Amino acid sequence: MNIAFAMGQGAAGGGASGGFASFVPLILMFVIFYFLLIRPQQKKTKEHRQMIDNLKTGDRIITSGGLHGRVTGVAENALTVEIAEKVRVKVNRGSVSALVQTGSPQAATKKDKKADNGNA
């Protein structure tokens, strides 16, 4: 009986520091997950939200469904996108996955004409 009593006291005395020490690896794993997974994902989400908020007429976009087109109209929650000549569709702002080119295509063609005139 004395042996069991002695073993019980030894385990209880070291248990308080052992309990905290067992949480250190869990805390360390959470810190690693935060810096390797959570923080980069939050940064990417923030950049995507800013890109969607800054869309304007003339921008070339790609939707999450794979449609390529040019923004012709901007509303609060939707965009009108021209995917072919005289073919326009309305898409939700959240379905825009990438911005391919900013600005109006008219400005791009003016730059191309100036470059062609300068080379000819």
PDB file of N, CA and C in Angstrom:
ATOM      1  N   MET A   1       0.810  -1.177   0.000  1.00  0.00           N
ATOM      2  CA  MET A   1       0.000   0.000   0.000  1.00  0.00           C
ATOM      3  C   MET A   1       0.870   1.264   0.000  1.00  0.00           C
ATOM      4  N   ASN A   2       1.974   1.260   0.651  1.00  0.00           N
ATOM      5  CA  ASN A   2       2.867   2.417   0.675  1.00  0.00           C
ATOM      6  C   ASN A   2       3.456   2.708  -0.701  1.00  0.00           C
ATOM      7  N   ILE A   3       3.693   1.673  -1.470  1.00  0.00           N
ATOM      8  CA  ILE A   3       4.285   1.866  -2.796  1.00  0.00           C
ATOM      9  C   ILE A   3       3.280   2.577  -3.713  1.00  0.00           C
ATOM     10  N   ALA A   4       2.029   2.174  -3.695  1.00  0.00           N
ATOM     11  CA  ALA A   4       1.010   2.796  -4.529  1.00  0.00           C
ATOM     12  C   ALA A   4       0.809   4.247  -4.135  1.00  0.00           C
ATOM     13  N   PHE A   5       0.844   4.538  -2.817  1.00  0.00           N
ATOM     14  CA  PHE A   5       0.686   5.904  -2.348  1.00  0.00           C
ATOM     15  C   PHE A   5       1.847   6.767  -2.816  1.00  0.00           C
ATOM     16  N   ALA A   6       3.040   6.268  -2.801  1.00  0.00           N
ATOM     17  CA  ALA A   6       4.219   7.021  -3.230  1.00  0.00           C
ATOM     18  C   ALA A   6       4.169   7.281  -4.728  1.00  0.00           C
ATOM     19  N   MET A   7       3.719   6.341  -5.491  1.00  0.00           N
ATOM     20  CA  MET A   7       3.633   6.526  -6.943  1.00  0.00           C
ATOM     21  C   MET A   7       2.570   7.553  -7.295  1.00  0.00           C
ATOM     22  N   GLY A   8       1.477   7.580  -6.571  1.00  0.00           N
ATOM     23  CA  GLY A   8       0.412   8.540  -6.824  1.00  0.00           C
ATOM     24  C   GLY A   8       0.868   9.962  -6.570  1.00  0.00           C
ATOM     25  N   GLN A   9       1.646  10.202  -5.515  1.00  0.00           N
ATOM     26  CA  GLN A   9       2.123  11.548  -5.216  1.00  0.00           C
ATOM     27  C   GLN A   9       3.122  12.026  -6.258  1.00  0.00           C
ATOM     28  N   GLY A  10       3.974  11.150  -6.706  1.00  0.00           N
ATOM     29  CA  GLY A  10       4.967  11.541  -7.709  1.00  0.00           C
ATOM     30  C   GLY A  10       4.296  11.940  -9.017  1.00  0.00           C
ATOM     31  N   ALA A  11       3.275  11.236  -9.423  1.00  0.00           N
ATOM     32  CA  ALA A  11       2.585  11.543 -10.670  1.00  0.00           C
ATOM     33  C   ALA A  11       1.806  12.858 -10.559  1.00  0.00           C
ATOM     34  N   ALA A  12       1.199  13.106  -9.379  1.00  0.00           N
ATOM     35  CA  ALA A  12       0.428  14.334  -9.194  1.00  0.00           C
ATOM     36  C   ALA A  12       1.346  15.538  -9.138  1.00  0.00           C
ATOM     37  N   GLY A  13       2.498  15.420  -8.552  1.00  0.00           N
ATOM     38  CA  GLY A  13       3.423  16.542  -8.435  1.00  0.00           C
ATOM     39  C   GLY A  13       3.972  16.957  -9.781  1.00  0.00           C
ATOM     40  N   GLY A  14       4.292  16.005 -10.649  1.00  0.00           N
ATOM     41  CA  GLY A  14       4.837  16.329 -11.964  1.00  0.00           C
ATOM     42  C   GLY A  14       3.765  16.551 -12.991  1.00  0.00           C
ATOM     43  N   GLY A  15       2.516  16.297 -12.698  1.00  0.00           N
ATOM     44  CA  GLY A  15       1.427  16.401 -13.663  1.00  0.00           C
ATOM     45  C   GLY A  15       1.136  17.827 -14.078  1.00  0.00           C
ATOM     46  N   ALA A  16       1.324  18.797 -13.200  1.00  0.00           N
ATOM     47  CA  ALA A  16       1.007  20.181 -13.536  1.00  0.00           C
ATOM     48  C   ALA A  16       1.950  20.698 -14.617  1.00  0.00           C
ATOM     49  N   SER A  17       3.220  20.478 -14.485  1.00  0.00           N
ATOM     50  CA  SER A  17       4.161  20.939 -15.503  1.00  0.00           C
ATOM     51  C   SER A  17       4.084  20.060 -16.742  1.00  0.00           C
ATOM     52  N   GLY A  18       3.781  18.793 -16.571  1.00  0.00           N
ATOM     53  CA  GLY A  18       3.635  17.891 -17.706  1.00  0.00           C
ATOM     54  C   GLY A  18       2.405  18.228 -18.539  1.00  0.00           C
ATOM     55  N   GLY A  19       1.350  18.731 -17.925  1.00  0.00           N
ATOM     56  CA  GLY A  19       0.140  19.113 -18.652  1.00  0.00           C
ATOM     57  C   GLY A  19       0.393  20.283 -19.579  1.00  0.00           C
ATOM     58  N   PHE A  20       1.116  21.287 -19.127  1.00  0.00           N
ATOM     59  CA  PHE A  20       1.441  22.440 -19.961  1.00  0.00           C
ATOM     60  C   PHE A  20       2.403  22.035 -21.075  1.00  0.00           C
ATOM     61  N   ALA A  21       3.336  21.202 -20.726  1.00  0.00           N
ATOM     62  CA  ALA A  21       4.314  20.759 -21.725  1.00  0.00           C
ATOM     63  C   ALA A  21       3.642  19.965 -22.838  1.00  0.00           C
ATOM     64  N   SER A  22       2.564  19.302 -22.559  1.00  0.00           N
ATOM     65  CA  SER A  22       1.876  18.556 -23.607  1.00  0.00           C
ATOM     66  C   SER A  22       1.109  19.477 -24.557  1.00  0.00           C
ATOM     67  N   PHE A  23       0.797  20.712 -24.148  1.00  0.00           N
ATOM     68  CA  PHE A  23       0.109  21.655 -25.019  1.00  0.00           C
ATOM     69  C   PHE A  23       1.069  22.445 -25.906  1.00  0.00           C
ATOM     70  N   VAL A  24       2.339  22.460 -25.579  1.00  0.00           N
ATOM     71  CA  VAL A  24       3.314  23.213 -26.369  1.00  0.00           C
ATOM     72  C   VAL A  24       3.346  22.740 -27.826  1.00  0.00           C
ATOM     73  N   PRO A  25       3.396  21.429 -28.113  1.00  0.00           N
ATOM     74  CA  PRO A  25       3.384  21.017 -29.524  1.00  0.00           C
ATOM     75  C   PRO A  25       2.100  21.422 -30.255  1.00  0.00           C
ATOM     76  N   LEU A  26       0.957  21.396 -29.569  1.00  0.00           N
ATOM     77  CA  LEU A  26      -0.290  21.818 -30.207  1.00  0.00           C
ATOM     78  C   LEU A  26      -0.268  23.301 -30.543  1.00  0.00           C
ATOM     79  N   ILE A  27       0.241  24.098 -29.635  1.00  0.00           N
ATOM     80  CA  ILE A  27       0.338  25.542 -29.875  1.00  0.00           C
ATOM     81  C   ILE A  27       1.304  25.811 -31.023  1.00  0.00           C
ATOM     82  N   LEU A  28       2.425  25.091 -31.042  1.00  0.00           N
ATOM     83  CA  LEU A  28       3.406  25.249 -32.102  1.00  0.00           C
ATOM     84  C   LEU A  28       2.813  24.856 -33.462  1.00  0.00           C
ATOM     85  N   MET A  29       2.039  23.781 -33.500  1.00  0.00           N
ATOM     86  CA  MET A  29       1.394  23.371 -34.750  1.00  0.00           C
ATOM     87  C   MET A  29       0.393  24.418 -35.228  1.00  0.00           C
ATOM     88  N   PHE A  30      -0.368  25.014 -34.318  1.00  0.00           N
ATOM     89  CA  PHE A  30      -1.317  26.055 -34.706  1.00  0.00           C
ATOM     90  C   PHE A  30      -0.588  27.256 -35.302  1.00  0.00           C
ATOM     91  N   VAL A  31       0.536  27.652 -34.696  1.00  0.00           N
ATOM     92  CA  VAL A  31       1.315  28.787 -35.203  1.00  0.00           C
ATOM     93  C   VAL A  31       1.828  28.475 -36.605  1.00  0.00           C
ATOM     94  N   ILE A  32       2.319  27.266 -36.825  1.00  0.00           N
ATOM     95  CA  ILE A  32       2.822  26.883 -38.146  1.00  0.00           C
ATOM     96  C   ILE A  32       1.688  26.889 -39.167  1.00  0.00           C
ATOM     97  N   PHE A  33       0.530  26.325 -38.816  1.00  0.00           N
ATOM     98  CA  PHE A  33      -0.614  26.333 -39.720  1.00  0.00           C
ATOM     99  C   PHE A  33      -1.049  27.759 -40.039  1.00  0.00           C
ATOM    100  N   TYR A  34      -1.009  28.638 -39.065  1.00  0.00           N
ATOM    101  CA  TYR A  34      -1.427  30.019 -39.294  1.00  0.00           C
ATOM    102  C   TYR A  34      -0.538  30.673 -40.350  1.00  0.00           C
ATOM    103  N   PHE A  35       0.790  30.549 -40.183  1.00  0.00           N
ATOM    104  CA  PHE A  35       1.694  31.233 -41.100  1.00  0.00           C
ATOM    105  C   PHE A  35       1.823  30.536 -42.450  1.00  0.00           C
ATOM    106  N   LEU A  36       1.590  29.241 -42.520  1.00  0.00           N
ATOM    107  CA  LEU A  36       1.732  28.537 -43.791  1.00  0.00           C
ATOM    108  C   LEU A  36       0.422  28.375 -44.560  1.00  0.00           C
ATOM    109  N   LEU A  37      -0.716  28.344 -43.873  1.00  0.00           N
ATOM    110  CA  LEU A  37      -1.986  28.087 -44.554  1.00  0.00           C
ATOM    111  C   LEU A  37      -2.990  29.217 -44.413  1.00  0.00           C
ATOM    112  N   ILE A  38      -3.290  29.631 -43.212  1.00  0.00           N
ATOM    113  CA  ILE A  38      -4.381  30.572 -42.963  1.00  0.00           C
ATOM    114  C   ILE A  38      -4.042  31.969 -43.467  1.00  0.00           C
ATOM    115  N   ARG A  39      -2.890  32.499 -43.114  1.00  0.00           N
ATOM    116  CA  ARG A  39      -2.523  33.867 -43.474  1.00  0.00           C
ATOM    117  C   ARG A  39      -2.407  34.067 -44.991  1.00  0.00           C
ATOM    118  N   PRO A  40      -1.723  33.166 -45.726  1.00  0.00           N
ATOM    119  CA  PRO A  40      -1.687  33.352 -47.189  1.00  0.00           C
ATOM    120  C   PRO A  40      -3.065  33.284 -47.837  1.00  0.00           C
ATOM    121  N   GLN A  41      -3.936  32.433 -47.331  1.00  0.00           N
ATOM    122  CA  GLN A  41      -5.285  32.333 -47.896  1.00  0.00           C
ATOM    123  C   GLN A  41      -6.070  33.619 -47.645  1.00  0.00           C
ATOM    124  N   GLN A  42      -5.926  34.212 -46.462  1.00  0.00           N
ATOM    125  CA  GLN A  42      -6.599  35.475 -46.169  1.00  0.00           C
ATOM    126  C   GLN A  42      -6.081  36.578 -47.082  1.00  0.00           C
ATOM    127  N   LYS A  43      -4.785  36.581 -47.346  1.00  0.00           N
ATOM    128  CA  LYS A  43      -4.188  37.599 -48.212  1.00  0.00           C
ATOM    129  C   LYS A  43      -4.714  37.451 -49.647  1.00  0.00           C
ATOM    130  N   LYS A  44      -4.788  36.219 -50.127  1.00  0.00           N
ATOM    131  CA  LYS A  44      -5.291  35.960 -51.473  1.00  0.00           C
ATOM    132  C   LYS A  44      -6.753  36.370 -51.585  1.00  0.00           C
ATOM    133  N   THR A  45      -7.550  36.084 -50.575  1.00  0.00           N
ATOM    134  CA  THR A  45      -8.965  36.451 -50.569  1.00  0.00           C
ATOM    135  C   THR A  45      -9.123  37.970 -50.593  1.00  0.00           C
ATOM    136  N   LYS A  46      -8.300  38.670 -49.837  1.00  0.00           N
ATOM    137  CA  LYS A  46      -8.360  40.134 -49.789  1.00  0.00           C
ATOM    138  C   LYS A  46      -8.009  40.737 -51.154  1.00  0.00           C
ATOM    139  N   GLU A  47      -6.977  40.206 -51.816  1.00  0.00           N
ATOM    140  CA  GLU A  47      -6.591  40.700 -53.132  1.00  0.00           C
ATOM    141  C   GLU A  47      -7.694  40.432 -54.158  1.00  0.00           C
ATOM    142  N   HIS A  48      -8.343  39.271 -54.092  1.00  0.00           N
ATOM    143  CA  HIS A  48      -9.429  38.943 -55.018  1.00  0.00           C
ATOM    144  C   HIS A  48     -10.618  39.876 -54.803  1.00  0.00           C
ATOM    145  N   ARG A  49     -10.938  40.157 -53.540  1.00  0.00           N
ATOM    146  CA  ARG A  49     -12.043  41.073 -53.228  1.00  0.00           C
ATOM    147  C   ARG A  49     -11.747  42.474 -53.763  1.00  0.00           C
ATOM    148  N   GLN A  50     -10.499  42.942 -53.624  1.00  0.00           N
ATOM    149  CA  GLN A  50     -10.133  44.256 -54.144  1.00  0.00           C
ATOM    150  C   GLN A  50     -10.229  44.292 -55.668  1.00  0.00           C
ATOM    151  N   MET A  51      -9.809  43.201 -56.313  1.00  0.00           N
ATOM    152  CA  MET A  51      -9.878  43.131 -57.770  1.00  0.00           C
ATOM    153  C   MET A  51     -11.328  43.207 -58.234  1.00  0.00           C
ATOM    154  N   ILE A  52     -12.213  42.496 -57.556  1.00  0.00           N
ATOM    155  CA  ILE A  52     -13.632  42.512 -57.924  1.00  0.00           C
ATOM    156  C   ILE A  52     -14.234  43.892 -57.690  1.00  0.00           C
ATOM    157  N   ASP A  53     -13.871  44.543 -56.602  1.00  0.00           N
ATOM    158  CA  ASP A  53     -14.409  45.874 -56.299  1.00  0.00           C
ATOM    159  C   ASP A  53     -13.924  46.925 -57.293  1.00  0.00           C
ATOM    160  N   ASN A  54     -12.746  46.730 -57.888  1.00  0.00           N
ATOM    161  CA  ASN A  54     -12.165  47.724 -58.783  1.00  0.00           C
ATOM    162  C   ASN A  54     -12.458  47.464 -60.255  1.00  0.00           C
ATOM    163  N   LEU A  55     -13.335  46.515 -60.572  1.00  0.00           N
ATOM    164  CA  LEU A  55     -13.673  46.255 -61.972  1.00  0.00           C
ATOM    165  C   LEU A  55     -14.397  47.444 -62.563  1.00  0.00           C
ATOM    166  N   LYS A  56     -14.079  47.736 -63.812  1.00  0.00           N
ATOM    167  CA  LYS A  56     -14.721  48.861 -64.493  1.00  0.00           C
ATOM    168  C   LYS A  56     -14.969  48.483 -65.944  1.00  0.00           C
ATOM    169  N   THR A  57     -15.728  49.297 -66.627  1.00  0.00           N
ATOM    170  CA  THR A  57     -16.059  49.057 -68.024  1.00  0.00           C
ATOM    171  C   THR A  57     -14.781  49.028 -68.859  1.00  0.00           C
ATOM    172  N   GLY A  58     -14.687  48.009 -69.710  1.00  0.00           N
ATOM    173  CA  GLY A  58     -13.526  47.880 -70.590  1.00  0.00           C
ATOM    174  C   GLY A  58     -12.517  46.852 -70.116  1.00  0.00           C
ATOM    175  N   ASP A  59     -12.625  46.412 -68.877  1.00  0.00           N
ATOM    176  CA  ASP A  59     -11.700  45.405 -68.359  1.00  0.00           C
ATOM    177  C   ASP A  59     -11.984  44.057 -69.010  1.00  0.00           C
ATOM    178  N   ARG A  60     -10.947  43.317 -69.295  1.00  0.00           N
ATOM    179  CA  ARG A  60     -11.092  41.955 -69.819  1.00  0.00           C
ATOM    180  C   ARG A  60     -10.964  41.000 -68.640  1.00  0.00           C
ATOM    181  N   ILE A  61     -11.934  40.070 -68.540  1.00  0.00           N
ATOM    182  CA  ILE A  61     -11.994  39.190 -67.384  1.00  0.00           C
ATOM    183  C   ILE A  61     -12.156  37.735 -67.819  1.00  0.00           C
ATOM    184  N   ILE A  62     -11.942  36.837 -66.847  1.00  0.00           N
ATOM    185  CA  ILE A  62     -12.245  35.417 -66.996  1.00  0.00           C
ATOM    186  C   ILE A  62     -13.136  35.051 -65.829  1.00  0.00           C
ATOM    187  N   THR A  63     -14.273  34.411 -66.127  1.00  0.00           N
ATOM    188  CA  THR A  63     -15.176  33.988 -65.056  1.00  0.00           C
ATOM    189  C   THR A  63     -14.743  32.630 -64.530  1.00  0.00           C
ATOM    190  N   SER A  64     -15.300  32.247 -63.398  1.00  0.00           N
ATOM    191  CA  SER A  64     -14.966  30.948 -62.827  1.00  0.00           C
ATOM    192  C   SER A  64     -15.474  29.806 -63.701  1.00  0.00           C
ATOM    193  N   GLY A  65     -16.434  30.076 -64.581  1.00  0.00           N
ATOM    194  CA  GLY A  65     -16.933  29.081 -65.520  1.00  0.00           C
ATOM    195  C   GLY A  65     -16.077  28.961 -66.770  1.00  0.00           C
ATOM    196  N   GLY A  66     -15.111  29.862 -66.925  1.00  0.00           N
ATOM    197  CA  GLY A  66     -14.200  29.796 -68.056  1.00  0.00           C
ATOM    198  C   GLY A  66     -14.527  30.737 -69.197  1.00  0.00           C
ATOM    199  N   LEU A  67     -15.539  31.584 -69.038  1.00  0.00           N
ATOM    200  CA  LEU A  67     -15.878  32.542 -70.094  1.00  0.00           C
ATOM    201  C   LEU A  67     -14.888  33.700 -70.090  1.00  0.00           C
ATOM    202  N   HIS A  68     -14.400  34.041 -71.283  1.00  0.00           N
ATOM    203  CA  HIS A  68     -13.543  35.209 -71.447  1.00  0.00           C
ATOM    204  C   HIS A  68     -14.404  36.306 -72.048  1.00  0.00           C
ATOM    205  N   GLY A  69     -14.250  37.512 -71.542  1.00  0.00           N
ATOM    206  CA  GLY A  69     -15.057  38.583 -72.090  1.00  0.00           C
ATOM    207  C   GLY A  69     -14.598  39.948 -71.618  1.00  0.00           C
ATOM    208  N   ARG A  70     -15.307  40.956 -72.090  1.00  0.00           N
ATOM    209  CA  ARG A  70     -15.007  42.344 -71.756  1.00  0.00           C
ATOM    210  C   ARG A  70     -16.192  42.926 -71.009  1.00  0.00           C
ATOM    211  N   VAL A  71     -15.922  43.618 -69.908  1.00  0.00           N
ATOM    212  CA  VAL A  71     -16.977  44.217 -69.092  1.00  0.00           C
ATOM    213  C   VAL A  71     -17.554  45.410 -69.854  1.00  0.00           C
ATOM    214  N   THR A  72     -18.872  45.381 -70.062  1.00  0.00           N
ATOM    215  CA  THR A  72     -19.540  46.496 -70.735  1.00  0.00           C
ATOM    216  C   THR A  72     -20.480  47.252 -69.814  1.00  0.00           C
ATOM    217  N   GLY A  73     -20.811  46.663 -68.671  1.00  0.00           N
ATOM    218  CA  GLY A  73     -21.684  47.334 -67.721  1.00  0.00           C
ATOM    219  C   GLY A  73     -21.378  46.877 -66.309  1.00  0.00           C
ATOM    220  N   VAL A  74     -21.478  47.809 -65.386  1.00  0.00           N
ATOM    221  CA  VAL A  74     -21.161  47.514 -63.992  1.00  0.00           C
ATOM    222  C   VAL A  74     -22.359  47.896 -63.129  1.00  0.00           C
ATOM    223  N   ALA A  75     -22.844  46.927 -62.352  1.00  0.00           N
ATOM    224  CA  ALA A  75     -23.900  47.174 -61.379  1.00  0.00           C
ATOM    225  C   ALA A  75     -23.365  46.786 -60.003  1.00  0.00           C
ATOM    226  N   GLU A  76     -24.207  46.929 -59.003  1.00  0.00           N
ATOM    227  CA  GLU A  76     -23.759  46.661 -57.641  1.00  0.00           C
ATOM    228  C   GLU A  76     -23.333  45.205 -57.457  1.00  0.00           C
ATOM    229  N   ASN A  77     -24.164  44.265 -57.880  1.00  0.00           N
ATOM    230  CA  ASN A  77     -23.865  42.845 -57.673  1.00  0.00           C
ATOM    231  C   ASN A  77     -23.607  42.076 -58.955  1.00  0.00           C
ATOM    232  N   ALA A  78     -23.770  42.703 -60.110  1.00  0.00           N
ATOM    233  CA  ALA A  78     -23.628  41.988 -61.376  1.00  0.00           C
ATOM    234  C   ALA A  78     -22.822  42.811 -62.369  1.00  0.00           C
ATOM    235  N   LEU A  79     -22.281  42.104 -63.345  1.00  0.00           N
ATOM    236  CA  LEU A  79     -21.548  42.733 -64.432  1.00  0.00           C
ATOM    237  C   LEU A  79     -22.170  42.286 -65.743  1.00  0.00           C
ATOM    238  N   THR A  80     -22.184  43.165 -66.721  1.00  0.00           N
ATOM    239  CA  THR A  80     -22.568  42.765 -68.063  1.00  0.00           C
ATOM    240  C   THR A  80     -21.279  42.558 -68.830  1.00  0.00           C
ATOM    241  N   VAL A  81     -21.131  41.343 -69.378  1.00  0.00           N
ATOM    242  CA  VAL A  81     -19.884  40.968 -70.036  1.00  0.00           C
ATOM    243  C   VAL A  81     -20.186  40.622 -71.491  1.00  0.00           C
ATOM    244  N   GLU A  82     -19.414  41.210 -72.391  1.00  0.00           N
ATOM    245  CA  GLU A  82     -19.551  40.897 -73.812  1.00  0.00           C
ATOM    246  C   GLU A  82     -18.576  39.767 -74.121  1.00  0.00           C
ATOM    247  N   ILE A  83     -19.137  38.594 -74.491  1.00  0.00           N
ATOM    248  CA  ILE A  83     -18.295  37.429 -74.749  1.00  0.00           C
ATOM    249  C   ILE A  83     -18.034  37.214 -76.234  1.00  0.00           C
ATOM    250  N   ALA A  84     -18.815  37.843 -77.078  1.00  0.00           N
ATOM    251  CA  ALA A  84     -18.620  37.852 -78.520  1.00  0.00           C
ATOM    252  C   ALA A  84     -19.285  39.121 -79.032  1.00  0.00           C
ATOM    253  N   GLU A  85     -19.112  39.406 -80.319  1.00  0.00           N
ATOM    254  CA  GLU A  85     -19.709  40.621 -80.849  1.00  0.00           C
ATOM    255  C   GLU A  85     -21.226  40.548 -80.735  1.00  0.00           C
ATOM    256  N   LYS A  86     -21.804  41.522 -80.062  1.00  0.00           N
ATOM    257  CA  LYS A  86     -23.242  41.640 -79.815  1.00  0.00           C
ATOM    258  C   LYS A  86     -23.817  40.499 -78.966  1.00  0.00           C
ATOM    259  N   VAL A  87     -22.988  39.824 -78.217  1.00  0.00           N
ATOM    260  CA  VAL A  87     -23.450  38.773 -77.306  1.00  0.00           C
ATOM    261  C   VAL A  87     -23.031  39.187 -75.899  1.00  0.00           C
ATOM    262  N   ARG A  88     -24.008  39.546 -75.097  1.00  0.00           N
ATOM    263  CA  ARG A  88     -23.727  40.011 -73.740  1.00  0.00           C
ATOM    264  C   ARG A  88     -24.437  39.135 -72.733  1.00  0.00           C
ATOM    265  N   VAL A  89     -23.766  38.865 -71.629  1.00  0.00           N
ATOM    266  CA  VAL A  89     -24.334  38.065 -70.547  1.00  0.00           C
ATOM    267  C   VAL A  89     -24.128  38.809 -69.244  1.00  0.00           C
ATOM    268  N   LYS A  90     -25.025  38.551 -68.301  1.00  0.00           N
ATOM    269  CA  LYS A  90     -24.874  39.114 -66.963  1.00  0.00           C
ATOM    270  C   LYS A  90     -24.267  38.048 -66.075  1.00  0.00           C
ATOM    271  N   VAL A  91     -23.239  38.414 -65.340  1.00  0.00           N
ATOM    272  CA  VAL A  91     -22.594  37.488 -64.408  1.00  0.00           C
ATOM    273  C   VAL A  91     -22.504  38.146 -63.041  1.00  0.00           C
ATOM    274  N   ASN A  92     -22.521  37.332 -62.031  1.00  0.00           N
ATOM    275  CA  ASN A  92     -22.357  37.801 -60.669  1.00  0.00           C
ATOM    276  C   ASN A  92     -20.913  38.251 -60.473  1.00  0.00           C
ATOM    277  N   ARG A  93     -20.708  39.295 -59.716  1.00  0.00           N
ATOM    278  CA  ARG A  93     -19.346  39.779 -59.470  1.00  0.00           C
ATOM    279  C   ARG A  93     -18.451  38.697 -58.857  1.00  0.00           C
ATOM    280  N   GLY A  94     -19.040  37.884 -58.001  1.00  0.00           N
ATOM    281  CA  GLY A  94     -18.261  36.849 -57.327  1.00  0.00           C
ATOM    282  C   GLY A  94     -17.771  35.751 -58.252  1.00  0.00           C
ATOM    283  N   SER A  95     -18.352  35.653 -59.443  1.00  0.00           N
ATOM    284  CA  SER A  95     -17.929  34.602 -60.362  1.00  0.00           C
ATOM    285  C   SER A  95     -16.735  35.012 -61.216  1.00  0.00           C
ATOM    286  N   VAL A  96     -16.247  36.222 -61.063  1.00  0.00           N
ATOM    287  CA  VAL A  96     -15.054  36.653 -61.789  1.00  0.00           C
ATOM    288  C   VAL A  96     -13.840  36.059 -61.087  1.00  0.00           C
ATOM    289  N   SER A  97     -13.043  35.311 -61.847  1.00  0.00           N
ATOM    290  CA  SER A  97     -11.886  34.667 -61.226  1.00  0.00           C
ATOM    291  C   SER A  97     -10.586  35.385 -61.524  1.00  0.00           C
ATOM    292  N   ALA A  98     -10.497  36.073 -62.651  1.00  0.00           N
ATOM    293  CA  ALA A  98      -9.228  36.741 -62.972  1.00  0.00           C
ATOM    294  C   ALA A  98      -9.483  37.964 -63.844  1.00  0.00           C
ATOM    295  N   LEU A  99      -8.591  38.901 -63.715  1.00  0.00           N
ATOM    296  CA  LEU A  99      -8.580  40.106 -64.535  1.00  0.00           C
ATOM    297  C   LEU A  99      -7.438  39.940 -65.530  1.00  0.00           C
ATOM    298  N   VAL A 100      -7.777  39.926 -66.817  1.00  0.00           N
ATOM    299  CA  VAL A 100      -6.761  39.685 -67.835  1.00  0.00           C
ATOM    300  C   VAL A 100      -6.099  40.984 -68.261  1.00  0.00           C
ATOM    301  N   GLN A 101      -6.905  41.997 -68.520  1.00  0.00           N
ATOM    302  CA  GLN A 101      -6.385  43.259 -69.013  1.00  0.00           C
ATOM    303  C   GLN A 101      -7.263  44.377 -68.475  1.00  0.00           C
ATOM    304  N   THR A 102      -6.644  45.472 -68.063  1.00  0.00           N
ATOM    305  CA  THR A 102      -7.425  46.607 -67.581  1.00  0.00           C
ATOM    306  C   THR A 102      -7.517  47.655 -68.675  1.00  0.00           C
ATOM    307  N   GLY A 103      -8.479  48.533 -68.530  1.00  0.00           N
ATOM    308  CA  GLY A 103      -8.646  49.617 -69.474  1.00  0.00           C
ATOM    309  C   GLY A 103      -9.550  49.242 -70.625  1.00  0.00           C
ATOM    310  N   SER A 104      -9.839  50.222 -71.456  1.00  0.00           N
ATOM    311  CA  SER A 104     -10.749  49.980 -72.576  1.00  0.00           C
ATOM    312  C   SER A 104      -9.974  49.460 -73.779  1.00  0.00           C
ATOM    313  N   PRO A 105     -10.599  48.648 -74.608  1.00  0.00           N
ATOM    314  CA  PRO A 105      -9.921  48.145 -75.796  1.00  0.00           C
ATOM    315  C   PRO A 105      -9.653  49.255 -76.810  1.00  0.00           C
ATOM    316  N   GLN A 106     -10.436  50.345 -76.753  1.00  0.00           N
ATOM    317  CA  GLN A 106     -10.207  51.466 -77.651  1.00  0.00           C
ATOM    318  C   GLN A 106      -8.856  52.104 -77.371  1.00  0.00           C
ATOM    319  N   ALA A 107      -8.490  52.198 -76.087  1.00  0.00           N
ATOM    320  CA  ALA A 107      -7.193  52.753 -75.731  1.00  0.00           C
ATOM    321  C   ALA A 107      -6.075  51.835 -76.208  1.00  0.00           C
ATOM    322  N   ALA A 108      -6.305  50.540 -76.147  1.00  0.00           N
ATOM    323  CA  ALA A 108      -5.290  49.586 -76.592  1.00  0.00           C
ATOM    324  C   ALA A 108      -5.099  49.674 -78.108  1.00  0.00           C
ATOM    325  N   THR A 109      -6.191  49.842 -78.867  1.00  0.00           N
ATOM    326  CA  THR A 109      -6.065  49.935 -80.319  1.00  0.00           C
ATOM    327  C   THR A 109      -5.392  51.244 -80.714  1.00  0.00           C
ATOM    328  N   LYS A 110      -5.627  52.326 -79.988  1.00  0.00           N
ATOM    329  CA  LYS A 110      -4.949  53.587 -80.264  1.00  0.00           C
ATOM    330  C   LYS A 110      -3.457  53.450 -80.059  1.00  0.00           C
ATOM    331  N   LYS A 111      -3.056  52.723 -79.004  1.00  0.00           N
ATOM    332  CA  LYS A 111      -1.634  52.502 -78.756  1.00  0.00           C
ATOM    333  C   LYS A 111      -1.017  51.667 -79.873  1.00  0.00           C
ATOM    334  N   ASP A 112      -1.757  50.653 -80.337  1.00  0.00           N
ATOM    335  CA  ASP A 112      -1.265  49.806 -81.420  1.00  0.00           C
ATOM    336  C   ASP A 112      -1.092  50.614 -82.704  1.00  0.00           C
ATOM    337  N   LYS A 113      -2.060  51.508 -83.009  1.00  0.00           N
ATOM    338  CA  LYS A 113      -1.964  52.328 -84.218  1.00  0.00           C
ATOM    339  C   LYS A 113      -0.780  53.274 -84.138  1.00  0.00           C
ATOM    340  N   LYS A 114      -0.526  53.848 -82.956  1.00  0.00           N
ATOM    341  CA  LYS A 114       0.624  54.744 -82.796  1.00  0.00           C
ATOM    342  C   LYS A 114       1.927  53.974 -82.994  1.00  0.00           C
ATOM    343  N   ALA A 115       1.981  52.752 -82.475  1.00  0.00           N
ATOM    344  CA  ALA A 115       3.181  51.945 -82.635  1.00  0.00           C
ATOM    345  C   ALA A 115       3.393  51.572 -84.096  1.00  0.00           C
ATOM    346  N   ASP A 116       2.298  51.275 -84.822  1.00  0.00           N
ATOM    347  CA  ASP A 116       2.404  50.921 -86.224  1.00  0.00           C
ATOM    348  C   ASP A 116       2.851  52.131 -87.059  1.00  0.00           C
ATOM    349  N   ASN A 117       2.324  53.317 -86.748  1.00  0.00           N
ATOM    350  CA  ASN A 117       2.704  54.525 -87.478  1.00  0.00           C
ATOM    351  C   ASN A 117       4.165  54.891 -87.240  1.00  0.00           C
ATOM    352  N   GLY A 118       4.627  54.657 -86.047  1.00  0.00           N
ATOM    353  CA  GLY A 118       6.019  54.967 -85.710  1.00  0.00           C
ATOM    354  C   GLY A 118       7.000  54.011 -86.372  1.00  0.00           C
ATOM    355  N   ASN A 119       6.590  52.774 -86.604  1.00  0.00           N
ATOM    356  CA  ASN A 119       7.480  51.781 -87.226  1.00  0.00           C
ATOM    357  C   ASN A 119       7.447  51.841 -88.734  1.00  0.00           C
ATOM    358  N   ALA A 120       6.359  52.377 -89.302  1.00  0.00           N
ATOM    359  CA  ALA A 120       6.235  52.389 -90.768  1.00  0.00           C
ATOM    360  C   ALA A 120       6.923  53.558 -91.389  1.00  0.00           C
TER     361      ALA A 120
END
